């Protein structure tokens, strides 16, 4: 289960979050490039769908990958804090 959720993070969550981070934080702050709101709006919709999967799972389970805190939970929390 840890492998499954880290794959979800790698192939679904990160690709949905990264463009938002770049458009809203990195490009304006580091490169002086204005935010492209169209990209943000499109990727927010993708991110919402991914988060719905997490919410559905966590509404029935305490943790992502079993009955214990695992790398899958820690890894996800690190990305949400960043």
N, C-alpha and C. Protein backbone atom coordinates (compact mmCIF):
# COMPACT_ATOMS: atom_id res chain seq x y z
N UNK A 1 0.81 -1.20 0.00
CA UNK A 1 0.00 0.00 0.00
C UNK A 1 0.86 1.27 0.00
N UNK A 2 2.00 1.22 0.67
CA UNK A 2 2.90 2.38 0.66
C UNK A 2 3.32 2.68 -0.77
N UNK A 3 3.69 1.65 -1.50
CA UNK A 3 4.10 1.84 -2.89
C UNK A 3 2.96 2.43 -3.73
N UNK A 4 1.76 1.96 -3.51
CA UNK A 4 0.61 2.47 -4.25
C UNK A 4 0.43 3.97 -4.02
N UNK A 5 0.44 4.41 -2.76
CA UNK A 5 0.21 5.82 -2.46
C UNK A 5 1.39 6.70 -2.86
N UNK A 6 2.59 6.18 -2.80
CA UNK A 6 3.72 7.00 -3.29
C UNK A 6 3.66 7.12 -4.82
N UNK A 7 3.13 6.11 -5.49
CA UNK A 7 2.91 6.21 -6.94
C UNK A 7 1.83 7.23 -7.26
N UNK A 8 0.76 7.23 -6.47
CA UNK A 8 -0.30 8.23 -6.66
C UNK A 8 0.30 9.63 -6.49
N UNK A 9 1.10 9.79 -5.47
CA UNK A 9 1.74 11.09 -5.23
C UNK A 9 2.63 11.49 -6.40
N UNK A 10 3.46 10.57 -6.85
CA UNK A 10 4.40 10.85 -7.93
C UNK A 10 3.72 11.15 -9.25
N UNK A 11 2.69 10.39 -9.58
CA UNK A 11 2.10 10.50 -10.92
C UNK A 11 0.81 11.30 -10.99
N UNK A 12 0.21 11.62 -9.84
CA UNK A 12 -1.05 12.36 -9.84
C UNK A 12 -0.94 13.67 -9.05
N UNK A 13 -0.53 13.56 -7.79
CA UNK A 13 -0.49 14.73 -6.91
C UNK A 13 0.58 15.73 -7.34
N UNK A 14 1.82 15.29 -7.46
CA UNK A 14 2.91 16.20 -7.81
C UNK A 14 2.70 16.90 -9.15
N UNK A 15 2.30 16.19 -10.21
CA UNK A 15 2.07 16.89 -11.48
C UNK A 15 0.93 17.91 -11.41
N UNK A 16 -0.03 17.71 -10.52
CA UNK A 16 -1.11 18.68 -10.37
C UNK A 16 -0.68 19.87 -9.52
N UNK A 17 0.19 19.65 -8.55
CA UNK A 17 0.61 20.72 -7.66
C UNK A 17 1.75 21.57 -8.23
N UNK A 18 2.67 20.96 -8.93
CA UNK A 18 3.86 21.66 -9.41
C UNK A 18 3.57 22.90 -10.25
N UNK A 19 2.68 22.83 -11.25
CA UNK A 19 2.42 24.05 -12.03
C UNK A 19 1.85 25.19 -11.19
N UNK A 20 1.07 24.86 -10.19
CA UNK A 20 0.52 25.89 -9.31
C UNK A 20 1.63 26.56 -8.52
N UNK A 21 2.53 25.75 -7.99
CA UNK A 21 3.68 26.29 -7.24
C UNK A 21 4.54 27.18 -8.12
N UNK A 22 4.83 26.71 -9.32
CA UNK A 22 5.66 27.51 -10.22
C UNK A 22 4.96 28.80 -10.62
N UNK A 23 3.69 28.73 -10.98
CA UNK A 23 2.98 29.90 -11.45
C UNK A 23 2.73 30.93 -10.33
N UNK A 24 2.45 30.47 -9.13
CA UNK A 24 2.08 31.38 -8.05
C UNK A 24 3.25 31.83 -7.18
N UNK A 25 4.31 31.04 -7.11
CA UNK A 25 5.40 31.35 -6.18
C UNK A 25 6.74 31.51 -6.90
N UNK A 26 7.17 30.47 -7.57
CA UNK A 26 8.53 30.45 -8.11
C UNK A 26 8.71 31.44 -9.25
N UNK A 27 7.87 31.38 -10.26
CA UNK A 27 8.04 32.29 -11.40
C UNK A 27 7.97 33.76 -10.99
N UNK A 28 6.96 34.19 -10.23
CA UNK A 28 6.92 35.61 -9.84
C UNK A 28 8.09 36.02 -8.93
N UNK A 29 8.39 35.20 -7.94
CA UNK A 29 9.40 35.57 -6.95
C UNK A 29 10.83 35.48 -7.47
N UNK A 30 11.12 34.44 -8.21
CA UNK A 30 12.50 34.22 -8.63
C UNK A 30 12.81 34.71 -10.04
N UNK A 31 11.80 34.73 -10.89
CA UNK A 31 12.06 35.07 -12.29
C UNK A 31 11.35 36.33 -12.76
N UNK A 32 10.51 36.90 -11.90
CA UNK A 32 9.78 38.10 -12.28
C UNK A 32 8.73 37.87 -13.35
N UNK A 33 8.32 36.63 -13.53
CA UNK A 33 7.32 36.27 -14.54
C UNK A 33 5.95 36.30 -13.87
N UNK A 34 4.99 37.01 -14.46
CA UNK A 34 3.66 37.05 -13.84
C UNK A 34 2.96 35.68 -13.88
N UNK A 35 2.07 35.50 -12.95
CA UNK A 35 1.29 34.26 -12.86
C UNK A 35 0.38 34.13 -14.07
N UNK A 36 0.38 32.95 -14.66
CA UNK A 36 -0.55 32.64 -15.75
C UNK A 36 -1.78 32.00 -15.10
N UNK A 37 -2.81 32.80 -14.90
CA UNK A 37 -3.98 32.34 -14.18
C UNK A 37 -4.70 31.20 -14.88
N UNK A 38 -4.62 31.16 -16.20
CA UNK A 38 -5.27 30.07 -16.94
C UNK A 38 -4.65 28.72 -16.55
N UNK A 39 -3.32 28.68 -16.47
CA UNK A 39 -2.63 27.45 -16.06
C UNK A 39 -3.02 27.09 -14.63
N UNK A 40 -3.04 28.08 -13.75
CA UNK A 40 -3.41 27.83 -12.35
C UNK A 40 -4.82 27.26 -12.27
N UNK A 41 -5.76 27.88 -12.96
CA UNK A 41 -7.15 27.42 -12.90
C UNK A 41 -7.30 25.99 -13.41
N UNK A 42 -6.62 25.68 -14.51
CA UNK A 42 -6.70 24.32 -15.07
C UNK A 42 -6.11 23.29 -14.13
N UNK A 43 -4.97 23.61 -13.52
CA UNK A 43 -4.32 22.62 -12.67
C UNK A 43 -4.99 22.53 -11.30
N UNK A 44 -5.64 23.59 -10.85
CA UNK A 44 -6.40 23.51 -9.60
C UNK A 44 -7.52 22.49 -9.75
N UNK A 45 -8.16 22.47 -10.90
CA UNK A 45 -9.21 21.48 -11.15
C UNK A 45 -8.66 20.06 -11.11
N UNK A 46 -7.48 19.86 -11.69
CA UNK A 46 -6.84 18.53 -11.63
C UNK A 46 -6.50 18.17 -10.20
N UNK A 47 -5.96 19.14 -9.45
CA UNK A 47 -5.58 18.89 -8.06
C UNK A 47 -6.81 18.54 -7.22
N UNK A 48 -7.92 19.21 -7.45
CA UNK A 48 -9.15 18.91 -6.71
C UNK A 48 -9.55 17.45 -6.90
N UNK A 49 -9.44 16.94 -8.13
CA UNK A 49 -9.80 15.55 -8.40
C UNK A 49 -8.88 14.58 -7.65
N UNK A 50 -7.59 14.90 -7.62
CA UNK A 50 -6.64 14.05 -6.89
C UNK A 50 -6.95 14.09 -5.40
N UNK A 51 -7.21 15.27 -4.88
CA UNK A 51 -7.51 15.39 -3.45
C UNK A 51 -8.80 14.69 -3.07
N UNK A 52 -9.74 14.61 -3.99
CA UNK A 52 -10.97 13.86 -3.73
C UNK A 52 -10.68 12.38 -3.51
N UNK A 53 -9.71 11.85 -4.24
CA UNK A 53 -9.31 10.45 -4.05
C UNK A 53 -8.72 10.25 -2.66
N UNK A 54 -7.83 11.16 -2.26
CA UNK A 54 -7.26 11.09 -0.92
C UNK A 54 -8.37 11.20 0.14
N UNK A 55 -9.26 12.16 -0.04
CA UNK A 55 -10.34 12.38 0.93
C UNK A 55 -11.23 11.15 1.05
N UNK A 56 -11.57 10.55 -0.07
CA UNK A 56 -12.41 9.35 -0.04
C UNK A 56 -11.72 8.23 0.73
N UNK A 57 -10.44 8.05 0.49
CA UNK A 57 -9.71 6.99 1.19
C UNK A 57 -9.59 7.30 2.68
N UNK A 58 -9.23 8.55 2.98
CA UNK A 58 -9.01 8.91 4.38
C UNK A 58 -10.31 9.07 5.17
N UNK A 59 -11.42 9.17 4.49
CA UNK A 59 -12.69 9.21 5.21
C UNK A 59 -13.04 7.84 5.78
N UNK A 60 -12.42 6.79 5.24
CA UNK A 60 -12.67 5.43 5.72
C UNK A 60 -11.47 4.79 6.40
N UNK A 61 -10.31 5.46 6.34
CA UNK A 61 -9.07 4.92 6.90
C UNK A 61 -8.36 6.02 7.66
N UNK A 62 -7.69 5.65 8.73
CA UNK A 62 -6.95 6.63 9.51
C UNK A 62 -5.69 7.08 8.78
N UNK A 63 -5.04 6.17 8.11
CA UNK A 63 -3.79 6.45 7.40
C UNK A 63 -3.90 5.99 5.95
N UNK A 64 -2.98 6.43 5.13
CA UNK A 64 -3.02 6.08 3.71
C UNK A 64 -2.75 4.60 3.46
N UNK A 65 -1.75 4.04 4.16
CA UNK A 65 -1.28 2.71 3.78
C UNK A 65 -1.37 1.69 4.90
N UNK A 66 -2.47 1.68 5.62
CA UNK A 66 -2.61 0.68 6.68
C UNK A 66 -3.05 1.33 7.97
N UNK A 67 -2.82 0.65 9.05
CA UNK A 67 -3.23 1.12 10.38
C UNK A 67 -2.06 1.74 11.14
N UNK A 68 -1.15 2.38 10.42
CA UNK A 68 0.04 2.96 11.03
C UNK A 68 0.54 4.09 10.14
N UNK A 69 1.28 5.00 10.74
CA UNK A 69 1.92 6.07 9.97
C UNK A 69 3.02 5.43 9.15
N UNK A 70 3.04 5.74 7.86
CA UNK A 70 4.05 5.16 6.98
C UNK A 70 4.70 6.26 6.15
N UNK A 71 5.64 5.87 5.34
CA UNK A 71 6.30 6.81 4.44
C UNK A 71 5.29 7.52 3.55
N UNK A 72 4.23 6.84 3.17
CA UNK A 72 3.20 7.45 2.31
C UNK A 72 2.59 8.67 3.00
N UNK A 73 2.29 8.57 4.29
CA UNK A 73 1.72 9.70 5.03
C UNK A 73 2.74 10.82 5.20
N UNK A 74 3.94 10.45 5.58
CA UNK A 74 4.98 11.45 5.83
C UNK A 74 5.32 12.19 4.54
N UNK A 75 5.49 11.47 3.48
CA UNK A 75 5.83 12.08 2.20
C UNK A 75 4.75 13.06 1.77
N UNK A 76 3.50 12.69 1.91
CA UNK A 76 2.40 13.56 1.52
C UNK A 76 2.36 14.82 2.38
N UNK A 77 2.60 14.68 3.68
CA UNK A 77 2.59 15.84 4.56
C UNK A 77 3.73 16.81 4.22
N UNK A 78 4.87 16.29 3.87
CA UNK A 78 6.00 17.13 3.48
C UNK A 78 5.63 17.97 2.27
N UNK A 79 4.98 17.38 1.28
CA UNK A 79 4.59 18.13 0.09
C UNK A 79 3.52 19.17 0.39
N UNK A 80 2.61 18.87 1.28
CA UNK A 80 1.56 19.84 1.60
C UNK A 80 2.12 21.02 2.38
N UNK A 81 3.15 20.79 3.19
CA UNK A 81 3.76 21.87 3.95
C UNK A 81 4.59 22.78 3.05
N UNK A 82 5.25 22.21 2.07
CA UNK A 82 6.09 23.01 1.19
C UNK A 82 5.21 23.92 0.44
